[in-house]
Amino acid sequence: MANKEHVRILISALASLSMRAWNQWRMENPDVCPDLSREELNHADLSFINLSNSDLSYSDFTATRFHHANLRKADLRGSTFRNADFSHADLTHACLRGADLRMASLRKA
């Protein structure tokens, strides 16, 4: 289950149309591993976001944009990423077991 505070910070960043607040929060809290598991964040623009070491498991990210996102060591297992855009994203050591990547763009990921 997602951490409500983490979700609130992310939703606030999405509302501002910039991941700057989220990324700043991540820099100020380097020991926090964000928990966004089991959330529905489909059709969101998460370009340039730092989601390294985050738990995104069993979430719905259908048609979400992860352009240039940092997803290093993120737990993406069991999540739906249909039609998602991972172009230029860093997926190094990310767990994708059971993830639905149908029609997802992984160009230069």
C-alpha atoms as a PDB file:
ATOM      1  CA  MET A   1       0.000   0.000   0.000  1.00  0.00           C
ATOM      2  CA  ALA A   2       1.357   3.400  -0.997  1.00  0.00           C
ATOM      3  CA  ASN A   3       2.576   5.913   1.535  1.00  0.00           C
ATOM      4  CA  LYS A   4      -0.029   8.702   1.513  1.00  0.00           C
ATOM      5  CA  GLU A   5       2.569  11.410   2.128  1.00  0.00           C
ATOM      6  CA  HIS A   6       4.660  10.229  -0.834  1.00  0.00           C
ATOM      7  CA  VAL A   7       1.561  10.203  -3.054  1.00  0.00           C
ATOM      8  CA  ARG A   8       0.616  13.716  -1.860  1.00  0.00           C
ATOM      9  CA  ILE A   9       4.060  15.092  -2.733  1.00  0.00           C
ATOM     10  CA  LEU A  10       3.935  13.471  -6.178  1.00  0.00           C
ATOM     11  CA  ILE A  11       0.392  14.708  -6.917  1.00  0.00           C
ATOM     12  CA  SER A  12       1.471  18.218  -5.906  1.00  0.00           C
ATOM     13  CA  ALA A  13       4.417  18.034  -8.322  1.00  0.00           C
ATOM     14  CA  LEU A  14       2.121  16.789 -11.094  1.00  0.00           C
ATOM     15  CA  ALA A  15      -0.259  19.691 -10.465  1.00  0.00           C
ATOM     16  CA  SER A  16       2.607  22.154 -10.856  1.00  0.00           C
ATOM     17  CA  LEU A  17       3.566  20.520 -14.177  1.00  0.00           C
ATOM     18  CA  SER A  18       7.145  20.149 -12.948  1.00  0.00           C
ATOM     19  CA  MET A  19       8.969  17.379 -11.139  1.00  0.00           C
ATOM     20  CA  ARG A  20      11.228  19.969  -9.474  1.00  0.00           C
ATOM     21  CA  ALA A  21       9.444  19.774  -6.072  1.00  0.00           C
ATOM     22  CA  TRP A  22       9.520  15.975  -6.084  1.00  0.00           C
ATOM     23  CA  ASN A  23      13.169  15.822  -7.103  1.00  0.00           C
ATOM     24  CA  GLN A  24      14.066  18.437  -4.477  1.00  0.00           C
ATOM     25  CA  TRP A  25      12.261  16.391  -1.823  1.00  0.00           C
ATOM     26  CA  ARG A  26      14.217  13.313  -2.947  1.00  0.00           C
ATOM     27  CA  MET A  27      17.525  15.203  -2.644  1.00  0.00           C
ATOM     28  CA  GLU A  28      16.594  16.412   0.848  1.00  0.00           C
ATOM     29  CA  ASN A  29      15.528  12.906   1.936  1.00  0.00           C
ATOM     30  CA  PRO A  30      18.089  10.532   0.396  1.00  0.00           C
ATOM     31  CA  ASP A  31      17.303   7.707   2.836  1.00  0.00           C
ATOM     32  CA  VAL A  32      13.595   7.601   1.961  1.00  0.00           C
ATOM     33  CA  CYS A  33      12.505   4.909  -0.490  1.00  0.00           C
ATOM     34  CA  PRO A  34       9.223   6.257  -1.884  1.00  0.00           C
ATOM     35  CA  ASP A  35       6.301   3.867  -1.750  1.00  0.00           C
ATOM     36  CA  LEU A  36       3.853   4.433  -4.594  1.00  0.00           C
ATOM     37  CA  SER A  37       2.737   0.819  -4.780  1.00  0.00           C
ATOM     38  CA  ARG A  38      -0.784  -0.055  -5.910  1.00  0.00           C
ATOM     39  CA  GLU A  39      -1.481   3.479  -7.161  1.00  0.00           C
ATOM     40  CA  GLU A  40      -3.261   4.521 -10.365  1.00  0.00           C
ATOM     41  CA  LEU A  41      -1.094   7.122 -12.076  1.00  0.00           C
ATOM     42  CA  ASN A  42      -2.076   6.461 -15.659  1.00  0.00           C
ATOM     43  CA  HIS A  43      -1.691   9.172 -18.313  1.00  0.00           C
ATOM     44  CA  ALA A  44       0.670  11.158 -16.048  1.00  0.00           C
ATOM     45  CA  ASP A  45       3.765  12.983 -17.265  1.00  0.00           C
ATOM     46  CA  LEU A  46       6.598  11.843 -15.001  1.00  0.00           C
ATOM     47  CA  SER A  47       9.357  13.039 -17.299  1.00  0.00           C
ATOM     48  CA  PHE A  48      12.667  13.815 -15.590  1.00  0.00           C
ATOM     49  CA  ILE A  49      11.449  12.430 -12.241  1.00  0.00           C
ATOM     50  CA  ASN A  50      13.741  10.672  -9.792  1.00  0.00           C
ATOM     51  CA  LEU A  51      12.037   7.407  -8.841  1.00  0.00           C
ATOM     52  CA  SER A  52      15.223   5.513  -8.041  1.00  0.00           C
ATOM     53  CA  ASN A  53      14.819   2.926  -5.266  1.00  0.00           C
ATOM     54  CA  SER A  54      11.041   3.479  -5.301  1.00  0.00           C
ATOM     55  CA  ASP A  55       8.324   0.869  -4.843  1.00  0.00           C
ATOM     56  CA  LEU A  56       5.988   1.212  -7.821  1.00  0.00           C
ATOM     57  CA  SER A  57       4.815  -2.401  -7.689  1.00  0.00           C
ATOM     58  CA  TYR A  58       1.318  -3.434  -8.755  1.00  0.00           C
ATOM     59  CA  SER A  59       0.436   0.067  -9.973  1.00  0.00           C
ATOM     60  CA  ASP A  60      -1.286   1.280 -13.127  1.00  0.00           C
ATOM     61  CA  PHE A  61       0.912   3.507 -15.278  1.00  0.00           C
ATOM     62  CA  THR A  62      -0.966   3.039 -18.551  1.00  0.00           C
ATOM     63  CA  ALA A  63       0.117   5.684 -21.089  1.00  0.00           C
ATOM     64  CA  THR A  64       2.360   7.407 -18.527  1.00  0.00           C
ATOM     65  CA  ARG A  65       5.411   9.309 -19.750  1.00  0.00           C
ATOM     66  CA  PHE A  66       8.732   8.434 -18.075  1.00  0.00           C
ATOM     67  CA  HIS A  67      10.900  10.343 -20.552  1.00  0.00           C
ATOM     68  CA  HIS A  68      14.416  10.756 -19.028  1.00  0.00           C
ATOM     69  CA  ALA A  69      13.145   9.391 -15.686  1.00  0.00           C
ATOM     70  CA  ASN A  70      15.519   7.837 -13.168  1.00  0.00           C
ATOM     71  CA  LEU A  71      14.107   4.405 -12.312  1.00  0.00           C
ATOM     72  CA  ARG A  72      17.370   2.835 -11.115  1.00  0.00           C
ATOM     73  CA  LYS A  73      16.683  -0.045  -8.720  1.00  0.00           C
ATOM     74  CA  ALA A  74      12.945   0.700  -8.749  1.00  0.00           C
ATOM     75  CA  ASP A  75      10.487  -2.101  -8.002  1.00  0.00           C
ATOM     76  CA  LEU A  76       8.138  -2.148 -11.005  1.00  0.00           C
ATOM     77  CA  ARG A  77       6.971  -5.752 -10.674  1.00  0.00           C
ATOM     78  CA  GLY A  78       3.388  -6.536 -11.522  1.00  0.00           C
ATOM     79  CA  SER A  79       2.651  -2.998 -12.743  1.00  0.00           C
ATOM     80  CA  THR A  80       0.885  -2.031 -15.950  1.00  0.00           C
ATOM     81  CA  PHE A  81       2.869   0.132 -18.357  1.00  0.00           C
ATOM     82  CA  ARG A  82       0.814  -0.333 -21.534  1.00  0.00           C
ATOM     83  CA  ASN A  83       1.600   2.454 -24.011  1.00  0.00           C
ATOM     84  CA  ALA A  84       4.002   4.054 -21.518  1.00  0.00           C
ATOM     85  CA  ASP A  85       6.987   6.046 -22.792  1.00  0.00           C
ATOM     86  CA  PHE A  86      10.320   5.089 -21.225  1.00  0.00           C
ATOM     87  CA  SER A  87      12.441   6.808 -23.869  1.00  0.00           C
ATOM     88  CA  HIS A  88      15.839   7.761 -22.434  1.00  0.00           C
ATOM     89  CA  ALA A  89      14.800   6.465 -18.975  1.00  0.00           C
ATOM     90  CA  ASP A  90      17.347   4.782 -16.707  1.00  0.00           C
ATOM     91  CA  LEU A  91      16.031   1.322 -15.837  1.00  0.00           C
ATOM     92  CA  THR A  92      19.348  -0.019 -14.518  1.00  0.00           C
ATOM     93  CA  HIS A  93      18.681  -2.849 -12.050  1.00  0.00           C
ATOM     94  CA  ALA A  94      14.934  -2.120 -12.023  1.00  0.00           C
ATOM     95  CA  CYS A  95      12.739  -5.128 -11.226  1.00  0.00           C
ATOM     96  CA  LEU A  96      10.289  -5.612 -14.103  1.00  0.00           C
ATOM     97  CA  ARG A  97       9.126  -9.138 -13.221  1.00  0.00           C
ATOM     98  CA  GLY A  98       5.519  -9.575 -14.284  1.00  0.00           C
ATOM     99  CA  ALA A  99       5.195  -5.999 -15.560  1.00  0.00           C
ATOM    100  CA  ASP A 100       2.907  -5.424 -18.545  1.00  0.00           C
ATOM    101  CA  LEU A 101       4.976  -3.504 -21.112  1.00  0.00           C
ATOM    102  CA  ARG A 102       2.747  -4.064 -24.145  1.00  0.00           C
ATOM    103  CA  MET A 103       3.155  -1.255 -26.643  1.00  0.00           C
ATOM    104  CA  ALA A 104       5.527   0.608 -24.292  1.00  0.00           C
ATOM    105  CA  SER A 105       8.317   2.643 -25.865  1.00  0.00           C
ATOM    106  CA  LEU A 106      11.725   1.630 -24.514  1.00  0.00           C
ATOM    107  CA  ARG A 107      13.723   3.623 -27.070  1.00  0.00           C
ATOM    108  CA  LYS A 108      17.172   4.422 -25.687  1.00  0.00           C
ATOM    109  CA  ALA A 109      16.091   3.291 -22.214  1.00  0.00           C
END
